[in-house]
Protein backbone atom coordinates (compact mmCIF):
# COMPACT_ATOMS: atom_id res chain seq x y z
CA MET A 1 -173.95 -23.60 -66.46
CA ASN A 2 -174.04 -25.10 -63.00
CA LYS A 3 -175.36 -28.55 -63.88
CA ASN A 4 -173.08 -30.51 -61.57
CA ASN A 5 -172.13 -30.07 -57.93
CA THR A 6 -168.73 -28.51 -58.62
CA PRO A 7 -168.84 -24.99 -57.15
CA LEU A 8 -168.25 -22.20 -59.64
CA LYS A 9 -165.45 -19.84 -58.64
CA VAL A 10 -164.41 -16.37 -59.70
CA SER A 11 -160.79 -15.24 -59.78
CA LEU A 12 -160.27 -11.48 -60.09
CA ILE A 13 -157.17 -9.46 -60.93
CA ASP A 14 -156.37 -7.92 -57.56
CA TYR A 15 -157.34 -4.31 -58.43
CA TYR A 16 -160.58 -5.36 -60.19
CA GLU A 17 -162.93 -4.29 -57.39
CA GLU A 18 -161.29 -0.89 -56.92
CA PHE A 19 -161.17 0.03 -60.62
CA GLU A 20 -163.36 2.96 -61.60
CA CYS A 21 -163.69 4.75 -64.91
CA ILE A 22 -162.15 8.23 -64.57
CA GLY A 23 -164.62 9.63 -67.10
CA SER A 24 -163.81 13.13 -68.35
CA LYS A 25 -160.29 12.93 -66.87
CA CYS A 26 -159.35 10.10 -69.24
CA GLU A 27 -156.67 11.14 -71.74
CA LEU A 28 -158.22 9.01 -74.52
CA ASN A 29 -161.59 7.55 -73.62
CA CYS A 30 -163.14 4.37 -74.99
CA CYS A 31 -166.13 6.16 -76.57
CA SER A 32 -164.57 6.46 -80.00
CA SER A 33 -162.94 4.67 -82.92
CA TRP A 34 -164.56 1.24 -82.71
CA LYS A 35 -167.94 -0.36 -83.18
CA ILE A 36 -169.98 -0.18 -79.95
CA ILE A 37 -172.14 -3.32 -79.87
CA ILE A 38 -175.51 -3.00 -78.13
CA ASP A 39 -176.96 -6.20 -76.67
CA ASP A 40 -180.64 -7.14 -76.96
CA ASN A 41 -181.42 -6.50 -73.28
CA SER A 42 -180.08 -2.96 -73.57
CA ILE A 43 -182.13 -2.42 -76.73
CA ASP A 44 -185.28 -3.29 -74.78
CA LYS A 45 -184.19 -1.05 -71.91
CA TYR A 46 -183.49 1.93 -74.21
CA LYS A 47 -186.82 1.54 -75.99
CA GLU A 48 -188.58 1.71 -72.62
CA LEU A 49 -186.56 4.77 -71.55
CA ASP A 50 -187.41 6.56 -74.79
CA LYS A 51 -191.06 5.75 -74.21
CA THR A 52 -191.26 6.76 -70.53
CA HIS A 53 -188.75 9.65 -70.41
CA GLY A 54 -188.99 11.12 -73.89
CA SER A 55 -185.32 10.40 -74.56
CA SER A 56 -184.00 9.53 -78.02
CA LEU A 57 -181.47 6.79 -77.32
CA MET A 58 -182.70 4.47 -80.07
CA LYS A 59 -182.12 6.99 -82.86
CA ASN A 60 -178.37 6.43 -82.46
CA ILE A 61 -178.56 2.64 -82.71
CA ILE A 62 -178.40 0.67 -85.92
CA ILE A 63 -180.66 -2.38 -85.69
CA SER A 64 -179.52 -5.29 -87.80
CA ASP A 65 -181.77 -7.73 -89.64
CA ASP A 66 -179.40 -10.54 -88.64
CA THR A 67 -181.38 -12.11 -85.79
CA LYS A 68 -178.90 -14.98 -85.46
CA ASN A 69 -175.97 -12.71 -84.56
CA LYS A 70 -176.26 -11.27 -81.06
CA ASN A 71 -173.48 -8.75 -81.84
CA SER A 72 -175.15 -7.18 -84.88
CA ASN A 73 -176.78 -4.07 -83.31
CA TYR A 74 -174.45 -1.12 -82.76
CA ILE A 75 -174.19 2.62 -82.13
CA GLU A 76 -173.28 4.63 -85.20
CA LEU A 77 -170.36 6.99 -84.44
CA ASN A 78 -170.68 10.64 -85.41
CA ASN A 79 -168.59 12.34 -88.10
CA ASN A 80 -165.80 13.01 -85.59
CA GLY A 81 -165.52 9.33 -84.71
CA TYR A 82 -167.12 9.61 -81.27
CA CYS A 83 -170.20 8.01 -79.78
CA PRO A 84 -173.07 10.50 -80.27
CA LEU A 85 -174.09 9.93 -76.64
CA LEU A 86 -170.78 11.38 -75.40
CA GLU A 87 -171.27 14.96 -74.23
CA ASN A 88 -168.83 17.86 -74.51
CA ASP A 89 -167.68 17.43 -70.91
CA GLY A 90 -166.40 13.94 -71.75
CA LEU A 91 -169.20 12.16 -69.89
CA CYS A 92 -171.79 9.72 -71.22
CA SER A 93 -175.31 11.15 -71.42
CA ILE A 94 -176.78 7.74 -70.51
CA VAL A 95 -174.81 7.66 -67.24
CA LYS A 96 -175.61 11.29 -66.45
CA ASN A 97 -179.32 10.95 -67.08
CA PHE A 98 -180.12 7.36 -66.10
CA GLY A 99 -177.17 6.00 -64.10
CA ALA A 100 -174.30 3.60 -64.82
CA ASP A 101 -176.57 0.56 -64.45
CA THR A 102 -178.26 1.61 -67.70
CA LEU A 103 -175.11 1.13 -69.77
CA SER A 104 -175.01 -1.64 -72.37
CA LEU A 105 -172.99 -4.78 -71.74
CA THR A 106 -170.20 -3.51 -74.01
CA CYS A 107 -169.88 -0.12 -72.34
CA ASN A 108 -170.18 -1.59 -68.86
CA SER A 109 -167.57 -4.27 -69.60
CA PHE A 110 -164.62 -2.36 -71.02
CA PRO A 111 -161.82 -2.65 -69.96
CA ARG A 112 -162.81 -5.85 -68.18
CA TYR A 113 -161.81 -9.12 -69.82
CA GLY A 114 -163.27 -12.50 -68.92
CA VAL A 115 -162.27 -16.12 -69.47
CA TYR A 116 -164.42 -19.09 -68.51
CA LEU A 117 -162.75 -22.48 -68.19
CA LYS A 118 -165.31 -25.18 -68.90
CA GLY A 119 -164.74 -28.37 -66.95
CA ILE A 120 -162.53 -26.61 -64.42
CA ARG A 121 -165.57 -24.38 -63.91
CA GLU A 122 -163.91 -21.14 -63.01
CA TYR A 123 -164.25 -17.55 -64.22
CA TYR A 124 -161.14 -15.38 -64.52
CA LEU A 125 -161.62 -11.61 -64.73
CA THR A 126 -158.74 -9.33 -65.68
CA MET A 127 -158.33 -5.97 -67.42
CA THR A 128 -157.12 -4.93 -70.85
CA LEU A 129 -154.23 -2.45 -71.05
CA GLY A 130 -156.05 -0.64 -73.86
CA CYS A 131 -157.60 1.51 -71.10
CA PRO A 132 -155.25 4.22 -69.70
CA GLU A 133 -156.50 3.85 -66.12
CA ALA A 134 -156.30 0.03 -66.21
CA ALA A 135 -152.78 0.34 -67.65
CA ARG A 136 -151.78 2.61 -64.78
CA LYS A 137 -153.16 0.24 -62.16
CA SER A 138 -151.56 -2.80 -63.83
CA ILE A 139 -148.15 -1.47 -64.80
CA MET A 140 -147.06 1.38 -62.53
CA ARG A 141 -147.56 -0.52 -59.25
CA GLU A 142 -144.48 -2.01 -57.60
CA LYS A 143 -146.15 -5.07 -56.08
CA PRO A 144 -146.66 -8.14 -58.31
CA LEU A 145 -149.97 -8.69 -60.06
CA THR A 146 -152.06 -11.43 -58.43
CA MET A 147 -155.50 -13.03 -58.73
CA ASN A 148 -157.94 -13.10 -55.82
CA SER A 149 -160.46 -15.96 -55.60
CA THR A 150 -164.02 -15.79 -54.39
CA SER A 151 -167.20 -17.80 -54.86
CA LEU A 152 -169.70 -17.06 -57.60
CA GLU A 153 -172.40 -16.26 -55.07
CA LYS A 154 -170.27 -13.60 -53.40
CA ASN A 155 -169.36 -11.75 -56.57
CA ARG A 156 -171.59 -10.02 -59.09
CA HIS A 157 -168.85 -9.17 -61.57
CA HIS A 158 -168.99 -12.48 -63.41
CA ASP A 159 -172.06 -11.15 -65.21
CA THR A 160 -170.26 -8.09 -66.59
CA PRO A 161 -167.79 -9.01 -69.34
CA ASP A 162 -168.21 -10.98 -72.50
CA TYR A 163 -166.31 -14.22 -72.00
CA LYS A 164 -163.80 -16.13 -73.97
CA ILE A 165 -164.79 -19.74 -73.33
CA ILE A 166 -162.00 -22.31 -73.20
CA ASN A 167 -163.05 -25.93 -73.42
CA SER A 168 -161.19 -28.14 -71.00
CA THR A 169 -159.13 -31.08 -72.23
CA GLU A 170 -157.65 -34.05 -70.42
CA ASN A 171 -154.60 -32.08 -69.36
CA SER A 172 -156.15 -28.63 -68.79
CA ALA A 173 -155.55 -28.85 -65.04
CA VAL A 174 -151.82 -29.52 -65.44
CA LEU A 175 -151.53 -26.84 -68.17
CA LEU A 176 -153.13 -24.43 -65.72
CA GLU A 177 -150.51 -25.47 -63.16
CA ILE A 178 -147.79 -24.78 -65.74
CA SER A 179 -149.32 -21.37 -66.50
CA GLU A 180 -149.27 -20.46 -62.83
CA GLY A 181 -145.69 -21.72 -62.55
CA ILE A 182 -144.58 -19.55 -65.48
CA LEU A 183 -146.13 -16.52 -63.80
CA LYS A 184 -144.15 -17.36 -60.65
CA LEU A 185 -140.97 -17.53 -62.74
CA LEU A 186 -141.75 -14.10 -64.19
CA GLN A 187 -142.31 -12.67 -60.70
CA GLN A 188 -139.26 -14.27 -59.04
CA ARG A 189 -137.73 -10.89 -58.29
CA GLU A 190 -134.45 -12.05 -56.81
CA VAL A 191 -133.60 -13.02 -60.40
CA PRO A 192 -132.87 -10.23 -62.96
CA ILE A 193 -135.86 -9.56 -65.21
CA LYS A 194 -133.92 -10.30 -68.42
CA LYS A 195 -133.03 -13.73 -67.09
CA ARG A 196 -136.62 -14.44 -66.02
CA LEU A 197 -137.90 -13.65 -69.51
CA ALA A 198 -135.15 -15.74 -71.10
CA THR A 199 -136.13 -18.67 -68.87
CA ILE A 200 -139.77 -18.45 -70.02
CA LEU A 201 -138.70 -18.08 -73.65
CA LEU A 202 -136.59 -21.24 -73.53
CA LEU A 203 -139.31 -23.14 -71.67
CA CYS A 204 -141.90 -22.22 -74.31
CA GLN A 205 -139.52 -23.36 -77.01
CA GLU A 206 -138.98 -26.70 -75.28
CA MET A 207 -142.68 -27.23 -74.49
CA ASP A 208 -143.58 -26.71 -78.15
CA ALA A 209 -140.89 -29.15 -79.25
CA ASN A 210 -142.48 -31.76 -76.97
CA ASP A 211 -146.10 -30.90 -77.89
CA ILE A 212 -147.18 -30.92 -74.25
CA LYS A 213 -150.69 -29.66 -75.09
CA ASN A 214 -151.43 -33.16 -76.37
CA ASN A 215 -149.38 -35.21 -73.93
CA ASN A 216 -150.49 -35.24 -70.30
CA GLU A 217 -147.44 -37.11 -69.00
CA LEU A 218 -145.03 -34.68 -70.64
CA ALA A 219 -147.10 -31.78 -69.32
CA LYS A 220 -146.72 -33.18 -65.78
CA HIS A 221 -142.96 -33.44 -66.40
CA PHE A 222 -142.79 -29.73 -67.30
CA ALA A 223 -144.91 -28.75 -64.31
CA SER A 224 -142.36 -30.52 -62.11
CA LYS A 225 -139.46 -28.99 -64.05
CA ILE A 226 -140.78 -25.48 -63.46
CA LYS A 227 -140.86 -26.14 -59.71
CA ASP A 228 -137.21 -27.21 -59.89
CA ILE A 229 -136.26 -24.07 -61.84
CA LEU A 230 -138.01 -21.94 -59.23
CA ASN A 231 -136.18 -23.71 -56.41
CA GLU A 232 -132.86 -23.23 -58.24
CA LYS A 233 -133.70 -19.55 -58.83
CA GLN A 234 -133.22 -20.00 -62.58
CA GLN A 235 -129.46 -20.49 -62.20
CA LYS A 236 -129.17 -22.72 -65.28
CA THR A 237 -130.65 -20.21 -67.76
CA PRO A 238 -127.83 -19.31 -70.20
CA PRO A 239 -126.91 -15.68 -70.94
CA LEU A 240 -128.23 -14.44 -74.27
CA ALA A 241 -126.90 -11.64 -76.48
CA SER A 242 -128.87 -8.55 -77.47
CA SER A 243 -128.91 -6.13 -80.39
CA ARG A 244 -130.62 -2.75 -80.49
CA ALA A 245 -130.42 -2.76 -84.29
CA SER A 246 -132.67 -5.82 -84.37
CA GLN A 247 -135.14 -4.07 -82.07
CA PHE A 248 -135.24 -1.04 -84.33
CA ASP A 249 -135.63 -3.20 -87.43
CA ILE A 250 -138.72 -4.94 -86.01
CA PHE A 251 -140.21 -1.61 -84.96
CA THR A 252 -139.74 0.03 -88.37
CA CYS A 253 -141.11 -3.10 -90.03
CA PHE A 254 -144.30 -2.76 -87.98
CA ILE A 255 -144.70 0.94 -88.77
CA SER A 256 -144.15 0.48 -92.50
CA ILE A 257 -146.78 -2.28 -92.60
CA THR A 258 -149.32 -0.22 -90.67
CA GLU A 259 -148.82 2.63 -93.13
CA ASN A 260 -150.27 0.32 -95.76
CA LEU A 261 -153.43 0.14 -93.66
CA SER A 262 -153.85 3.86 -94.31
CA ILE A 263 -154.11 4.91 -90.68
CA SER A 264 -154.33 8.51 -91.87
CA ASN A 265 -157.51 7.68 -93.78
CA ASN A 266 -159.21 6.41 -90.63
CA HIS A 267 -160.20 9.82 -89.23
CA THR A 268 -161.10 8.84 -85.70
CA PRO A 269 -159.67 10.33 -82.50
CA PHE A 270 -157.83 7.17 -81.54
CA TYR A 271 -156.11 6.55 -84.87
CA ALA A 272 -155.25 10.24 -85.13
CA GLU A 273 -153.52 9.93 -81.75
CA VAL A 274 -151.64 6.81 -82.85
CA GLU A 275 -150.48 8.53 -86.02
CA LYS A 276 -149.37 11.60 -84.07
CA GLU A 277 -147.32 9.49 -81.65
CA ILE A 278 -145.72 7.50 -84.48
CA ARG A 279 -144.71 10.69 -86.26
CA LYS A 280 -143.35 12.15 -83.03
CA CYS A 281 -141.40 8.96 -82.45
CA PHE A 282 -139.69 9.01 -85.82
CA ASN A 283 -139.14 12.76 -85.81
CA GLY A 284 -137.39 12.29 -82.49
CA ILE A 285 -134.73 10.08 -84.06
CA GLY A 286 -134.48 12.13 -87.24
CA VAL A 287 -136.52 10.02 -89.66
CA LYS A 288 -138.39 12.03 -92.29
CA THR A 289 -139.60 9.18 -94.52
CA PHE A 290 -139.23 5.41 -94.30
CA ASP A 291 -137.26 5.45 -97.53
CA SER A 292 -134.56 7.49 -95.83
CA ILE A 293 -133.83 5.24 -92.84
CA ASP A 294 -130.13 4.49 -92.45
CA ASP A 295 -127.56 3.53 -89.81
CA SER A 296 -127.58 7.04 -88.33
CA HIS A 297 -131.19 6.57 -87.25
CA ILE A 298 -130.33 3.28 -85.55
CA THR A 299 -127.57 5.17 -83.73
CA ASN A 300 -130.06 7.88 -82.70
CA TYR A 301 -132.52 5.25 -81.51
CA ASP A 302 -129.80 3.46 -79.56
CA SER A 303 -128.67 6.73 -78.00
CA ALA A 304 -132.21 7.66 -76.91
CA TYR A 305 -132.76 4.18 -75.50
CA ASN A 306 -129.51 4.22 -73.52
CA LYS A 307 -130.00 7.78 -72.29
CA HIS A 308 -133.65 7.54 -71.26
CA ILE A 309 -135.34 4.14 -71.52
CA ALA A 310 -132.64 1.84 -70.11
CA PRO A 311 -132.20 3.91 -66.91
CA TYR A 312 -135.97 4.33 -66.58
CA LEU A 313 -136.70 0.59 -66.88
CA GLY A 314 -133.66 -0.19 -64.74
CA SER A 315 -135.10 1.97 -61.96
CA ASN A 316 -138.58 0.54 -62.48
CA PRO A 317 -138.14 -3.19 -63.20
CA HIS A 318 -141.75 -3.80 -62.17
CA ILE A 319 -142.91 -2.09 -65.39
CA GLN A 320 -141.35 -4.72 -67.62
CA GLU A 321 -142.52 -7.53 -65.35
CA ASN A 322 -146.08 -6.21 -65.12
CA LEU A 323 -146.35 -5.74 -68.88
CA PHE A 324 -145.71 -9.45 -69.37
CA ALA A 325 -147.65 -10.49 -66.26
CA SER A 326 -150.80 -8.68 -67.43
CA GLN A 327 -150.99 -11.25 -70.25
CA LEU A 328 -149.48 -14.32 -68.59
CA ILE A 329 -151.86 -13.99 -65.63
CA LYS A 330 -154.77 -14.85 -67.95
CA PRO A 331 -155.55 -18.55 -67.50
CA LEU A 332 -154.00 -20.88 -70.08
CA TYR A 333 -152.97 -17.83 -72.15
CA LEU A 334 -149.96 -19.64 -73.61
CA PHE A 335 -152.05 -22.71 -74.47
CA SER A 336 -155.46 -21.32 -75.41
CA ASN A 337 -156.22 -21.96 -79.05
CA PRO A 338 -159.24 -24.15 -79.76
CA GLU A 339 -157.90 -25.25 -83.15
CA ASN A 340 -154.47 -25.96 -81.68
CA LYS A 341 -152.79 -23.96 -84.46
CA THR A 342 -151.10 -21.29 -82.36
CA THR A 343 -148.10 -22.64 -80.51
CA THR A 344 -147.05 -21.74 -76.99
CA LEU A 345 -143.99 -20.00 -78.41
CA LYS A 346 -146.07 -17.87 -80.77
CA HIS A 347 -148.30 -16.75 -77.92
CA PHE A 348 -145.21 -15.68 -76.00
CA PHE A 349 -143.77 -13.98 -79.10
CA HIS A 350 -147.00 -12.01 -79.37
CA ILE A 351 -146.46 -10.57 -75.90
CA CYS A 352 -142.83 -9.89 -76.82
CA THR A 353 -143.88 -8.06 -79.98
CA VAL A 354 -146.38 -5.82 -78.18
CA TYR A 355 -143.75 -5.09 -75.53
CA LEU A 356 -141.08 -4.31 -78.12
CA LEU A 357 -143.34 -1.94 -80.04
CA THR A 358 -144.39 -0.22 -76.81
CA VAL A 359 -140.74 0.36 -75.93
CA GLY A 360 -140.08 1.55 -79.49
CA LEU A 361 -142.85 4.13 -79.23
CA ALA A 362 -141.60 5.27 -75.81
CA THR A 363 -138.00 5.52 -77.09
CA GLY A 364 -139.02 7.75 -79.97
CA ALA A 365 -141.08 9.95 -77.63
CA ALA A 366 -138.10 10.17 -75.26
CA ALA A 367 -135.87 11.25 -78.15
CA PHE A 368 -138.44 13.88 -79.19
CA ASN A 369 -138.95 15.27 -75.66
CA ASP A 370 -135.42 14.54 -74.39
CA LYS A 371 -136.98 12.79 -71.38
CA ILE A 372 -139.26 9.93 -70.42
CA THR A 373 -142.05 10.18 -67.84
CA ASP A 374 -144.55 7.73 -66.38
CA ASP A 375 -147.26 9.40 -68.45
CA ASP A 376 -145.22 8.87 -71.64
CA MET A 377 -144.80 5.18 -70.85
CA ILE A 378 -148.49 4.71 -70.01
CA LYS A 379 -149.45 6.41 -73.27
CA ALA A 380 -147.22 4.09 -75.29
CA ILE A 381 -148.68 1.09 -73.44
CA PHE A 382 -152.36 1.82 -73.88
CA LEU A 383 -152.01 3.08 -77.45
CA MET A 384 -150.16 -0.03 -78.62
CA HIS A 385 -152.48 -2.41 -76.75
CA ARG A 386 -155.70 -0.79 -77.90
CA PHE A 387 -154.29 -0.52 -81.42
CA SER A 388 -153.83 -4.29 -81.55
CA GLU A 389 -156.92 -5.36 -79.60
CA LYS A 390 -159.73 -3.89 -81.69
CA ASN A 391 -158.33 -4.03 -85.21
CA PRO A 392 -158.17 -7.51 -86.78
CA GLN A 393 -155.76 -6.30 -89.47
CA VAL A 394 -153.32 -4.97 -86.89
CA GLU A 395 -153.75 -8.10 -84.78
CA ASN A 396 -152.70 -10.16 -87.80
CA ILE A 397 -149.66 -7.92 -88.27
CA PHE A 398 -148.65 -8.52 -84.67
CA TYR A 399 -148.87 -12.27 -85.16
CA GLN A 400 -146.93 -12.03 -88.43
CA LEU A 401 -144.16 -10.15 -86.63
CA ALA A 402 -144.30 -12.78 -83.89
CA LYS A 403 -143.95 -15.45 -86.58
CA ASP A 404 -140.95 -13.59 -87.99
CA LEU A 405 -139.45 -13.53 -84.51
CA GLY A 406 -139.97 -17.26 -84.35
CA GLN A 407 -137.94 -17.74 -87.48
CA SER A 408 -135.05 -15.89 -85.86
CA SER A 409 -132.46 -17.35 -83.56
CA VAL A 410 -133.07 -17.37 -79.82
CA ASP A 411 -130.39 -14.69 -79.47
CA GLN A 412 -132.32 -12.38 -81.81
CA ILE A 413 -135.59 -13.01 -80.01
CA TYR A 414 -133.88 -11.99 -76.77
CA THR A 415 -133.35 -8.47 -78.13
CA THR A 416 -136.95 -7.86 -77.10
CA PHE A 417 -135.93 -7.91 -73.46
CA SER A 418 -132.73 -5.87 -73.56
């Protein structure tokens, strides 16, 4: 990639270097419920290990005839939905017998997430919240999330994840400046978190109306405007109303749609856990079937939210901030769509939707248990994120809900933050 003299750089989420898989201590490990792709280099390595050590790694791998698709070879899960190389103690037999360096690219990467900006020539490495330990390190910390820069030569991690490649355009540099400015707005802690989110919401709405992705001069105007808003400490952001009933409506809409995906027919450990948490959530507020939902359940939801979730988030404002920051810290996240079909506002709505559904799951659990703990919140976070990340059908549902949010008034969208 390094064909010109521009030095390649690596920017890491600040806990990237210290992250370690907790192995058998993980409450829901990543060795189940999705297709585990095995890269060609690992195939060669496993064949050699089988030959020299008498192991049988290759018997678990399905080799595809599709030579053009590098992601076509995979490990076939066992009847319980787990990787057959996972042992009863919750540890990977490959790691135990041959060391972590022997892992495939897929297994070695998760939960790492990479973006490469062509033209700007920089790698960005973050973490997905679909991993419980990454969620803990991202969300439960009180200090703001940041990126640390280093040179390519000084860091080996750029070789680890699969990358989303974003092609640079004429105004990529200024859009990157805007992205960094929006993150600063989100982390301007002298301003209440609800107001910070409302500021970003209104900015996204205005940037879409002006089509700044295709207008460099307007993009520069918004970069300057964000600096002014920061200097003014977001004083001009108007107050917006909120409605718990709207929150509950969006949450029940999501659950009813996912029922049509027949989660219960997908007998894997992860989906079984999602189904269990959803049932617990609705049992907590008195819902027996979706046909029976009425105003009393909205009242129960509102009561559980006000009793448990509102005080919890009020005492831990960094949780709400970090949930949004974990997405907004990804470079050009609000602008990154190669076909230019997904608007800035829709990208932001997607974060809002995942946040709303996470809070909905936590509220139901709080109603069921009559309390909310850090572990309950982390569980809601990683379940909802992993649920959306590795299932294209669910991902589409999230974007449909985001689209529905976009058809609502700004006041209704703001219910996500209340």
